[in-house]
Protein backbone atom coordinates (compact mmCIF):
# COMPACT_ATOMS: atom_id res chain seq x y z
CA MET A 1 123.31 76.66 139.96
CA LEU A 2 123.69 80.38 139.20
CA LEU A 3 124.48 81.42 135.63
CA LEU A 4 126.96 84.32 135.60
CA LEU A 5 127.80 85.60 132.15
CA ASP A 6 129.20 88.82 130.71
CA ASN A 7 126.39 91.33 130.32
CA ASP A 8 123.59 89.73 132.31
CA ILE A 9 120.93 90.69 129.76
CA LEU A 10 117.72 88.66 130.05
CA ASN A 11 115.71 88.33 126.87
CA LEU A 12 112.20 87.07 126.19
CA ARG A 13 111.91 86.41 122.45
CA LEU A 14 108.79 85.36 120.55
CA TYR A 15 109.40 83.93 117.10
CA GLY A 16 107.60 82.08 114.31
CA ASP A 17 106.03 82.64 110.90
CA GLY A 18 105.08 86.28 110.45
CA ILE A 19 106.08 87.27 113.99
CA ALA A 20 107.29 90.88 114.33
CA PRO A 21 106.70 93.72 116.80
CA THR A 22 103.83 94.99 114.63
CA THR A 23 102.08 91.63 115.08
CA PHE A 24 101.25 92.44 118.70
CA SER A 25 98.89 94.97 120.21
CA ALA A 26 100.11 97.38 122.89
CA ARG A 27 98.07 95.45 125.43
CA GLU A 28 99.69 92.14 124.45
CA PHE A 29 103.14 93.71 124.58
CA GLY A 30 102.37 95.09 128.05
CA THR A 31 101.21 91.64 129.16
CA LEU A 32 104.43 90.03 127.98
CA VAL A 33 106.62 92.58 129.75
CA THR A 34 104.74 92.69 133.06
CA GLU A 35 104.08 88.94 133.30
CA PHE A 36 107.66 87.99 132.47
CA GLU A 37 108.94 90.33 135.18
CA ALA A 38 106.27 89.12 137.64
CA CYS A 39 107.22 85.49 136.96
CA LEU A 40 110.81 86.15 138.04
CA LYS A 41 109.88 88.46 140.92
CA SER A 42 107.48 85.92 142.43
CA TYR A 43 110.35 83.44 142.62
CA ILE A 44 112.72 86.03 144.09
CA LEU A 45 110.29 87.25 146.75
CA LEU A 46 109.45 83.75 147.93
CA LYS A 47 113.11 82.81 148.24
CA ASN A 48 114.25 86.16 149.72
CA LYS A 49 111.62 87.17 152.24
CA GLU A 50 113.53 90.25 153.39
CA LEU A 51 112.96 91.93 150.02
CA LYS A 52 110.12 94.24 149.03
CA ALA A 53 108.61 94.02 145.57
CA LYS A 54 109.49 97.62 144.72
CA GLU A 55 113.19 96.95 145.36
CA ILE A 56 113.61 94.65 142.35
CA PHE A 57 112.69 95.27 138.72
CA LEU A 58 113.64 94.73 135.11
CA SER A 59 114.45 97.64 132.81
CA PRO A 60 113.59 97.14 129.12
CA ILE A 61 116.51 98.03 126.86
CA ALA A 62 115.07 97.84 123.35
CA ILE A 63 112.68 95.98 121.08
CA HIS A 64 114.34 93.81 118.47
CA ASN A 65 112.71 93.84 115.05
CA GLU A 66 113.59 90.27 114.16
CA SER A 67 110.61 88.33 115.55
CA LEU A 68 109.81 90.06 118.87
CA GLY A 69 112.83 90.31 121.11
CA MET A 70 112.54 92.02 124.50
CA PRO A 71 115.88 92.34 126.30
CA PHE A 72 115.89 93.47 129.94
CA PHE A 73 118.54 94.61 132.37
CA PRO A 74 117.96 93.49 136.00
CA ASN A 75 118.55 96.14 138.65
CA VAL A 76 119.83 93.51 141.13
CA LYS A 77 121.60 90.93 139.00
CA HIS A 78 122.10 87.98 141.34
CA TYR A 79 118.43 87.78 142.35
CA PHE A 80 117.15 87.82 138.78
CA LEU A 81 119.83 85.47 137.48
CA ASP A 82 118.97 82.98 140.20
CA ALA A 83 115.27 83.17 139.29
CA PHE A 84 115.97 83.04 135.54
CA THR A 85 118.15 79.96 136.01
CA ALA A 86 115.47 78.22 138.08
CA ILE A 87 112.72 78.95 135.52
CA THR A 88 114.80 77.85 132.53
CA LEU A 89 115.88 74.68 134.37
CA ALA A 90 112.23 73.90 135.08
CA LEU A 91 111.43 74.33 131.38
CA THR A 92 114.28 72.13 130.18
CA THR A 93 113.61 69.36 132.73
CA ASN A 94 109.81 69.75 132.56
CA ASP A 95 109.63 69.86 136.36
CA PHE A 96 108.21 72.93 138.07
CA SER A 97 108.13 71.41 141.56
CA ASP A 98 110.52 74.04 142.95
CA ILE A 99 108.87 76.98 141.18
CA PRO A 100 106.31 79.07 143.12
CA ILE A 101 102.71 78.77 142.04
CA LYS A 102 102.53 82.48 141.28
CA SER A 103 105.56 82.27 138.98
CA VAL A 104 103.87 79.50 137.01
CA GLU A 105 100.65 81.53 136.80
CA HIS A 106 102.53 84.52 135.36
CA LEU A 107 104.37 82.27 132.90
CA LYS A 108 101.01 80.87 131.77
CA ASN A 109 99.86 84.43 131.05
CA VAL A 110 102.87 84.84 128.76
CA GLN A 111 101.95 81.50 127.21
CA THR A 112 98.43 82.78 126.45
CA VAL A 113 99.89 85.43 124.12
CA VAL A 114 102.22 82.83 122.61
CA ARG A 115 99.26 80.53 121.94
CA VAL A 116 97.13 83.26 120.35
CA HIS A 117 99.89 84.00 117.81
CA ASN A 118 100.85 80.35 117.30
CA CYS A 119 104.51 81.07 117.95
CA LYS A 120 107.28 80.02 120.33
CA ALA A 121 108.94 81.82 123.23
CA GLN A 122 112.64 81.69 123.98
CA LEU A 123 114.34 82.65 127.23
CA ILE A 124 117.77 84.00 126.34
CA LEU A 125 120.70 85.04 128.49
CA ASN A 126 123.35 87.22 126.86
CA ASP A 127 122.31 86.20 123.33
CA LYS A 128 122.39 82.48 124.24
CA PRO A 129 119.03 80.64 124.11
CA ILE A 130 118.58 78.69 127.34
CA ALA A 131 115.01 77.35 127.13
CA GLU A 132 111.82 77.71 125.14
CA PHE A 133 108.13 76.84 125.20
CA ASP A 134 105.06 77.12 123.00
CA GLY A 135 101.30 77.25 123.45
CA ASN A 136 101.07 73.52 124.14
CA THR A 137 103.82 73.25 126.76
CA LYS A 138 102.64 71.75 130.06
CA PHE A 139 104.17 73.23 133.19
CA ILE A 140 104.30 70.06 135.29
CA SER A 141 104.95 70.02 139.03
CA ASN A 142 105.80 66.93 141.05
CA ALA A 143 105.07 68.74 144.29
CA ASN A 144 101.77 68.29 146.08
CA VAL A 145 100.10 71.66 146.35
CA TYR A 146 97.10 71.95 148.60
CA GLU A 147 94.94 74.55 150.28
CA SER A 148 93.78 74.67 153.88
CA GLU A 149 92.11 77.08 156.25
CA THR A 150 94.60 78.59 158.62
CA ILE A 151 95.20 81.33 161.17
CA VAL A 152 98.47 83.26 161.15
CA TYR A 153 99.86 85.88 163.48
CA GLY A 154 102.18 88.73 162.62
CA ILE A 155 102.88 92.45 162.65
CA ILE A 156 101.31 94.57 159.91
CA ARG A 157 104.09 96.56 158.23
CA THR A 158 102.21 98.01 155.25
CA ALA A 159 98.65 97.85 153.95
CA GLY A 160 96.93 99.39 150.94
CA GLY A 161 98.16 100.56 147.56
CA ALA A 162 96.68 100.90 144.07
CA GLU A 163 96.57 97.09 143.96
CA PRO A 164 95.75 96.40 147.63
CA SER A 165 98.23 94.24 149.49
CA VAL A 166 99.48 93.69 153.02
CA ARG A 167 103.03 93.10 154.20
CA ILE A 168 103.27 90.94 157.32
CA GLU A 169 106.26 90.31 159.58
CA PHE A 170 106.05 86.87 161.20
CA ASP A 171 107.57 85.65 164.47
CA ASP A 172 110.70 84.39 162.70
CA LYS A 173 111.27 87.95 161.38
CA ASN A 174 110.50 86.90 157.82
CA THR A 175 108.13 89.20 155.95
CA ARG A 176 105.68 88.32 153.18
CA THR A 177 103.38 90.38 150.99
CA PHE A 178 99.92 89.13 150.02
CA ALA A 179 97.22 90.59 147.79
CA VAL A 180 94.02 91.48 149.67
CA SER A 181 90.63 93.00 148.97
CA LYS A 182 90.06 96.72 149.50
CA ASP A 183 87.91 96.00 152.56
CA ILE A 184 90.63 93.89 154.18
CA ALA A 185 93.24 96.53 153.29
CA LYS A 186 91.14 99.19 155.04
CA GLN A 187 90.81 97.04 158.16
CA LEU A 188 94.51 96.30 158.26
CA GLY A 189 95.41 99.92 157.56
CA SER A 190 94.15 100.78 161.03
CA LYS A 191 96.38 98.05 162.51
CA LEU A 192 99.76 99.24 161.20
CA TYR A 193 102.64 98.09 163.43
CA ASP A 194 100.22 96.06 165.57
CA GLU A 195 100.40 92.31 166.00
CA VAL A 196 97.23 90.76 164.66
CA GLY A 197 95.64 87.39 163.98
CA LEU A 198 94.49 86.72 160.42
CA ARG A 199 92.15 84.05 159.12
CA GLY A 200 92.53 82.81 155.55
CA ILE A 201 93.12 80.08 152.99
CA ALA A 202 96.78 79.10 152.68
CA THR A 203 98.29 77.47 149.61
CA TRP A 204 101.04 75.08 150.68
CA ASN A 205 103.82 73.41 148.73
CA SER A 206 104.44 70.03 150.37
CA LYS A 207 107.92 69.74 148.84
CA THR A 208 109.22 73.03 150.23
CA GLY A 209 106.91 73.21 153.24
CA LEU A 210 106.25 76.87 152.47
CA ILE A 211 103.05 78.88 152.29
CA GLU A 212 103.13 80.12 148.71
CA ASP A 213 100.02 82.25 148.96
CA LEU A 214 97.51 83.37 151.55
CA LYS A 215 94.02 84.61 150.77
CA ILE A 216 93.14 86.63 153.85
CA THR A 217 89.43 86.48 154.65
CA GLY A 218 89.33 88.40 157.93
CA LEU A 219 90.83 89.37 161.26
CA ILE A 220 90.32 87.45 164.49
CA GLU A 221 90.00 88.82 168.00
CA TYR A 222 93.51 88.67 169.33
CA ALA A 223 95.36 90.43 172.13
CA PRO A 224 99.10 89.67 172.36
CA THR A 225 100.22 88.59 175.83
CA ASN A 226 103.31 87.24 177.56
CA VAL A 227 103.83 83.65 178.66
CA GLU A 228 103.24 84.39 182.35
CA ALA A 229 99.90 86.02 181.64
CA ALA A 230 98.89 83.19 179.32
CA PHE A 231 99.54 80.55 182.00
CA LYS A 232 97.67 82.68 184.53
CA GLU A 233 94.61 82.63 182.24
CA ILE A 234 94.90 78.83 181.88
CA GLN A 235 95.21 78.49 185.65
CA ASP A 236 92.06 80.55 186.17
CA VAL A 237 90.13 78.16 183.92
CA ILE A 238 91.39 74.71 184.99
CA GLY A 239 93.25 75.36 188.23
CA LYS A 240 90.32 74.32 190.45
CA TYR A 241 90.48 70.77 189.06
CA TRP A 242 93.97 70.32 190.50
CA ASP A 243 93.38 71.76 193.95
CA ASP A 244 93.34 68.32 195.62
CA VAL A 245 96.39 66.96 193.80
CA GLU A 246 99.55 67.12 195.93
CA ASP A 247 102.15 66.28 193.27
CA ILE A 248 101.00 67.44 189.82
CA ASN A 249 104.21 66.36 188.03
CA ASN A 250 103.96 62.83 189.43
CA THR A 251 100.31 62.62 188.40
CA LEU A 252 100.97 63.87 184.88
CA PHE A 253 104.15 62.01 184.02
CA ASN A 254 103.92 58.71 185.97
CA ASP A 255 102.40 55.73 184.20
């Protein structure tokens, strides 16, 4: 359910005894801002695969002196409100089964700062507190998350960056962005707009059936081909074993 209120201001507020902006170092403040945004963006990007990370962001408005209040204005409201609603619902129901693993990881990084200062964090929408957590909150998921080796195929759309990543377009036209090592980024940089095969470790969510993350370990030898050519290659390998069979369909499909 999407929450649509007047000003659409998202606020992360830390409060407790002695909590004020001067309580936090610049590094801690930066962690809170970037990890809160990353928590919401990870949800948005998994649910809206056509988006690129740079297309969505939060703009800080001010720092509130009472406790530590950090209000943000989302550049694309409906995406961020959807993510904010999902995260706050997960907190109030104590069920993170529908929340991406990366979103939970970013939320835990916010929680680390909360724990260090022995305070609480509130998620507020338009001055109305929606959910909160502290350093002891457990982010519980009822989904089975597992990892497996896999091979995926897709077209490389972008590769590289200050924090190396690759953007892949899959056969269903959905695109996903994954963090990679510098070496992998260099290899994929030479494959821009080519269809490639990638080997890696996929993190799956059994409830949604989605790959939530992919740790790419290397490229595989792969040359795209059409169906006719593929069957021709199969025929070249096994065709000789069927030379003496008059009716192949009858042989294959008759009991």
